[in-house]
PDB file of N, CA and C in Angstrom:
ATOM      1  N   MET A   1      45.730  96.783 -86.196  1.00  0.00           N
ATOM      2  CA  MET A   1      46.442  97.966 -85.172  1.00  0.00           C
ATOM      3  C   MET A   1      45.707  99.338 -84.977  1.00  0.00           C
ATOM      4  N   ALA A   2      45.422  99.805 -83.406  1.00  0.00           N
ATOM      5  CA  ALA A   2      45.063 100.779 -82.431  1.00  0.00           C
ATOM      6  C   ALA A   2      45.648 101.419 -83.677  1.00  0.00           C
ATOM      7  N   GLY A   3      45.734 102.933 -83.958  1.00  0.00           N
ATOM      8  CA  GLY A   3      45.371 104.059 -84.691  1.00  0.00           C
ATOM      9  C   GLY A   3      47.125 104.587 -84.650  1.00  0.00           C
ATOM     10  N   ARG A   4      46.527 104.857 -82.938  1.00  0.00           N
ATOM     11  CA  ARG A   4      48.025 105.612 -82.675  1.00  0.00           C
ATOM     12  C   ARG A   4      49.208 105.231 -81.976  1.00  0.00           C
ATOM     13  N   GLU A   5      48.979 103.620 -81.510  1.00  0.00           N
ATOM     14  CA  GLU A   5      50.557 103.213 -81.459  1.00  0.00           C
ATOM     15  C   GLU A   5      50.772 102.235 -82.521  1.00  0.00           C
ATOM     16  N   PRO A   6      52.444 102.668 -82.468  1.00  0.00           N
ATOM     17  CA  PRO A   6      53.264 102.658 -83.675  1.00  0.00           C
ATOM     18  C   PRO A   6      53.483 100.670 -84.269  1.00  0.00           C
ATOM     19  N   GLU A   7      53.519 100.080 -84.912  1.00  0.00           N
ATOM     20  CA  GLU A   7      54.453  98.725 -85.378  1.00  0.00           C
ATOM     21  C   GLU A   7      54.450  98.114 -83.796  1.00  0.00           C
ATOM     22  N   LEU A   8      53.356  96.802 -83.326  1.00  0.00           N
ATOM     23  CA  LEU A   8      54.469  96.134 -82.637  1.00  0.00           C
ATOM     24  C   LEU A   8      54.465  94.466 -83.056  1.00  0.00           C
ATOM     25  N   SER A   9      55.593  94.108 -82.302  1.00  0.00           N
ATOM     26  CA  SER A   9      55.082  92.845 -82.310  1.00  0.00           C
ATOM     27  C   SER A   9      54.174  92.082 -81.514  1.00  0.00           C
ATOM     28  N   ASP A  10      54.621  90.184 -81.694  1.00  0.00           N
ATOM     29  CA  ASP A  10      53.491  89.752 -80.830  1.00  0.00           C
ATOM     30  C   ASP A  10      54.184  90.305 -79.335  1.00  0.00           C
ATOM     31  N   GLU A  11      55.248  89.666 -78.998  1.00  0.00           N
ATOM     32  CA  GLU A  11      55.687  90.190 -77.434  1.00  0.00           C
ATOM     33  C   GLU A  11      55.168  91.075 -76.854  1.00  0.00           C
ATOM     34  N   GLN A  12      55.095  92.508 -77.787  1.00  0.00           N
ATOM     35  CA  GLN A  12      55.505  93.409 -77.561  1.00  0.00           C
ATOM     36  C   GLN A  12      54.100  93.430 -77.248  1.00  0.00           C
ATOM     37  N   LEU A  13      53.315  93.278 -77.940  1.00  0.00           N
ATOM     38  CA  LEU A  13      51.515  93.486 -77.351  1.00  0.00           C
ATOM     39  C   LEU A  13      51.064  92.520 -76.382  1.00  0.00           C
ATOM     40  N   VAL A  14      51.657  91.394 -76.981  1.00  0.00           N
ATOM     41  CA  VAL A  14      51.077  90.622 -74.875  1.00  0.00           C
ATOM     42  C   VAL A  14      51.685  91.025 -74.104  1.00  0.00           C
ATOM     43  N   ASP A  15      52.743  91.995 -73.674  1.00  0.00           N
ATOM     44  CA  ASP A  15      53.036  92.380 -72.623  1.00  0.00           C
ATOM     45  C   ASP A  15      52.564  93.241 -72.263  1.00  0.00           C
ATOM     46  N   LEU A  16      52.295  94.711 -72.830  1.00  0.00           N
ATOM     47  CA  LEU A  16      51.182  95.638 -73.562  1.00  0.00           C
ATOM     48  C   LEU A  16      50.512  94.809 -72.217  1.00  0.00           C
ATOM     49  N   VAL A  17      49.740  94.122 -73.042  1.00  0.00           N
ATOM     50  CA  VAL A  17      48.666  93.714 -72.773  1.00  0.00           C
ATOM     51  C   VAL A  17      47.797  93.186 -71.577  1.00  0.00           C
ATOM     52  N   GLY A  18      49.574  92.783 -71.591  1.00  0.00           N
ATOM     53  CA  GLY A  18      49.130  91.677 -69.888  1.00  0.00           C
ATOM     54  C   GLY A  18      49.260  92.372 -69.064  1.00  0.00           C
ATOM     55  N   ARG A  19      50.307  94.080 -69.188  1.00  0.00           N
ATOM     56  CA  ARG A  19      50.118  95.483 -68.282  1.00  0.00           C
ATOM     57  C   ARG A  19      49.202  95.792 -68.131  1.00  0.00           C
ATOM     58  N   LEU A  20      48.165  95.970 -69.097  1.00  0.00           N
ATOM     59  CA  LEU A  20      46.701  96.847 -69.372  1.00  0.00           C
ATOM     60  C   LEU A  20      46.417  96.605 -67.960  1.00  0.00           C
ATOM     61  N   LEU A  21      45.806  95.078 -68.332  1.00  0.00           N
ATOM     62  CA  LEU A  21      44.896  94.057 -67.975  1.00  0.00           C
ATOM     63  C   LEU A  21      45.255  93.831 -66.470  1.00  0.00           C
ATOM     64  N   GLY A  22      46.488  94.594 -65.683  1.00  0.00           N
ATOM     65  CA  GLY A  22      46.813  94.437 -64.595  1.00  0.00           C
ATOM     66  C   GLY A  22      46.838  92.887 -64.055  1.00  0.00           C
ATOM     67  N   CYS A  23      47.639  91.896 -64.830  1.00  0.00           N
ATOM     68  CA  CYS A  23      47.304  90.797 -64.450  1.00  0.00           C
ATOM     69  C   CYS A  23      48.299  90.152 -63.850  1.00  0.00           C
ATOM     70  N   PRO A  24      47.900  89.033 -62.819  1.00  0.00           N
ATOM     71  CA  PRO A  24      48.343  89.026 -61.181  1.00  0.00           C
ATOM     72  C   PRO A  24      49.383  87.746 -61.925  1.00  0.00           C
ATOM     73  N   GLU A  25      51.183  87.558 -61.490  1.00  0.00           N
ATOM     74  CA  GLU A  25      52.271  87.064 -61.489  1.00  0.00           C
ATOM     75  C   GLU A  25      51.982  85.301 -61.394  1.00  0.00           C
ATOM     76  N   ASP A  26      51.154  85.098 -60.533  1.00  0.00           N
ATOM     77  CA  ASP A  26      50.650  83.679 -60.373  1.00  0.00           C
ATOM     78  C   ASP A  26      49.717  82.741 -61.704  1.00  0.00           C
ATOM     79  N   GLU A  27      49.463  83.939 -62.612  1.00  0.00           N
ATOM     80  CA  GLU A  27      49.018  83.603 -64.277  1.00  0.00           C
ATOM     81  C   GLU A  27      49.056  83.920 -64.904  1.00  0.00           C
ATOM     82  N   ALA A  28      50.439  85.128 -65.241  1.00  0.00           N
ATOM     83  CA  ALA A  28      51.215  85.298 -65.838  1.00  0.00           C
ATOM     84  C   ALA A  28      51.237  84.397 -66.813  1.00  0.00           C
ATOM     85  N   LEU A  29      52.346  82.754 -66.620  1.00  0.00           N
ATOM     86  CA  LEU A  29      51.989  82.819 -67.817  1.00  0.00           C
ATOM     87  C   LEU A  29      50.723  81.632 -68.665  1.00  0.00           C
ATOM     88  N   LEU A  30      49.563  81.423 -67.942  1.00  0.00           N
ATOM     89  CA  LEU A  30      48.424  81.707 -68.776  1.00  0.00           C
ATOM     90  C   LEU A  30      47.513  83.039 -69.542  1.00  0.00           C
ATOM     91  N   VAL A  31      48.047  83.416 -68.720  1.00  0.00           N
ATOM     92  CA  VAL A  31      47.684  84.845 -69.862  1.00  0.00           C
ATOM     93  C   VAL A  31      47.674  85.235 -70.750  1.00  0.00           C
ATOM     94  N   GLY A  32      49.519  84.928 -70.656  1.00  0.00           N
ATOM     95  CA  GLY A  32      50.683  84.820 -72.067  1.00  0.00           C
ATOM     96  C   GLY A  32      50.193  84.329 -73.475  1.00  0.00           C
ATOM     97  N   ALA A  33      49.768  82.916 -72.661  1.00  0.00           N
ATOM     98  CA  ALA A  33      49.164  81.327 -73.452  1.00  0.00           C
ATOM     99  C   ALA A  33      48.277  82.421 -73.790  1.00  0.00           C
ATOM    100  N   ARG A  34      47.168  83.010 -73.652  1.00  0.00           N
ATOM    101  CA  ARG A  34      46.075  83.387 -74.275  1.00  0.00           C
ATOM    102  C   ARG A  34      46.249  84.424 -74.986  1.00  0.00           C
ATOM    103  N   LEU A  35      46.938  85.954 -74.357  1.00  0.00           N
ATOM    104  CA  LEU A  35      47.539  86.716 -75.794  1.00  0.00           C
ATOM    105  C   LEU A  35      47.678  86.334 -76.926  1.00  0.00           C
ATOM    106  N   ARG A  36      49.063  85.755 -76.378  1.00  0.00           N
ATOM    107  CA  ARG A  36      48.906  84.849 -77.841  1.00  0.00           C
ATOM    108  C   ARG A  36      49.024  84.365 -79.000  1.00  0.00           C
ATOM    109  N   TYR A  37      47.404  83.578 -78.404  1.00  0.00           N
ATOM    110  CA  TYR A  37      46.682  83.009 -79.143  1.00  0.00           C
ATOM    111  C   TYR A  37      46.057  83.912 -80.853  1.00  0.00           C
ATOM    112  N   ALA A  38      45.355  84.855 -79.557  1.00  0.00           N
ATOM    113  CA  ALA A  38      44.711  85.966 -79.578  1.00  0.00           C
ATOM    114  C   ALA A  38      45.326  86.522 -80.410  1.00  0.00           C
ATOM    115  N   VAL A  39      46.451  87.120 -81.030  1.00  0.00           N
ATOM    116  CA  VAL A  39      46.932  87.951 -81.705  1.00  0.00           C
ATOM    117  C   VAL A  39      47.177  87.071 -82.874  1.00  0.00           C
ATOM    118  N   GLU A  40      47.681  85.354 -82.596  1.00  0.00           N
ATOM    119  CA  GLU A  40      48.111  84.609 -83.933  1.00  0.00           C
ATOM    120  C   GLU A  40      46.968  85.038 -84.419  1.00  0.00           C
ATOM    121  N   ALA A  41      45.563  85.090 -84.457  1.00  0.00           N
ATOM    122  CA  ALA A  41      44.569  84.899 -84.359  1.00  0.00           C
ATOM    123  C   ALA A  41      44.127  85.924 -84.797  1.00  0.00           C
ATOM    124  N   PHE A  42      44.393  86.815 -84.381  1.00  0.00           N
ATOM    125  CA  PHE A  42      44.006  88.530 -85.143  1.00  0.00           C
ATOM    126  C   PHE A  42      44.827  88.681 -85.650  1.00  0.00           C
ATOM    127  N   ARG A  43      46.315  88.305 -86.318  1.00  0.00           N
ATOM    128  CA  ARG A  43      46.791  88.614 -87.361  1.00  0.00           C
ATOM    129  C   ARG A  43      46.880  87.216 -89.049  1.00  0.00           C
ATOM    130  N   GLU A  44      46.640  86.447 -88.607  1.00  0.00           N
ATOM    131  CA  GLU A  44      46.350  85.537 -89.273  1.00  0.00           C
ATOM    132  C   GLU A  44      44.708  86.314 -89.860  1.00  0.00           C
ATOM    133  N   GLU A  45      43.528  86.580 -89.349  1.00  0.00           N
ATOM    134  CA  GLU A  45      42.092  86.672 -90.022  1.00  0.00           C
ATOM    135  C   GLU A  45      42.307  88.078 -90.726  1.00  0.00           C
ATOM    136  N   ALA A  46      43.174  88.534 -89.998  1.00  0.00           N
ATOM    137  CA  ALA A  46      43.983  90.467 -90.813  1.00  0.00           C
ATOM    138  C   ALA A  46      44.745  89.895 -92.536  1.00  0.00           C
ATOM    139  N   GLU A  47      44.849  89.696 -92.552  1.00  0.00           N
ATOM    140  CA  GLU A  47      45.759  88.628 -93.623  1.00  0.00           C
ATOM    141  C   GLU A  47      44.605  88.639 -94.994  1.00  0.00           C
TER     142      GLU A  47
END
């Protein structure tokens, strides 16, 4: 996790990154699914 960010849930991370990337509305579901996969893979690797 970034040093300056508080502990965020997976959904909060997905929402934050989607907003930071400027995800278009018509691609929100696809981008969200990819971000959820990335967060899950990151969490598994960090364990």
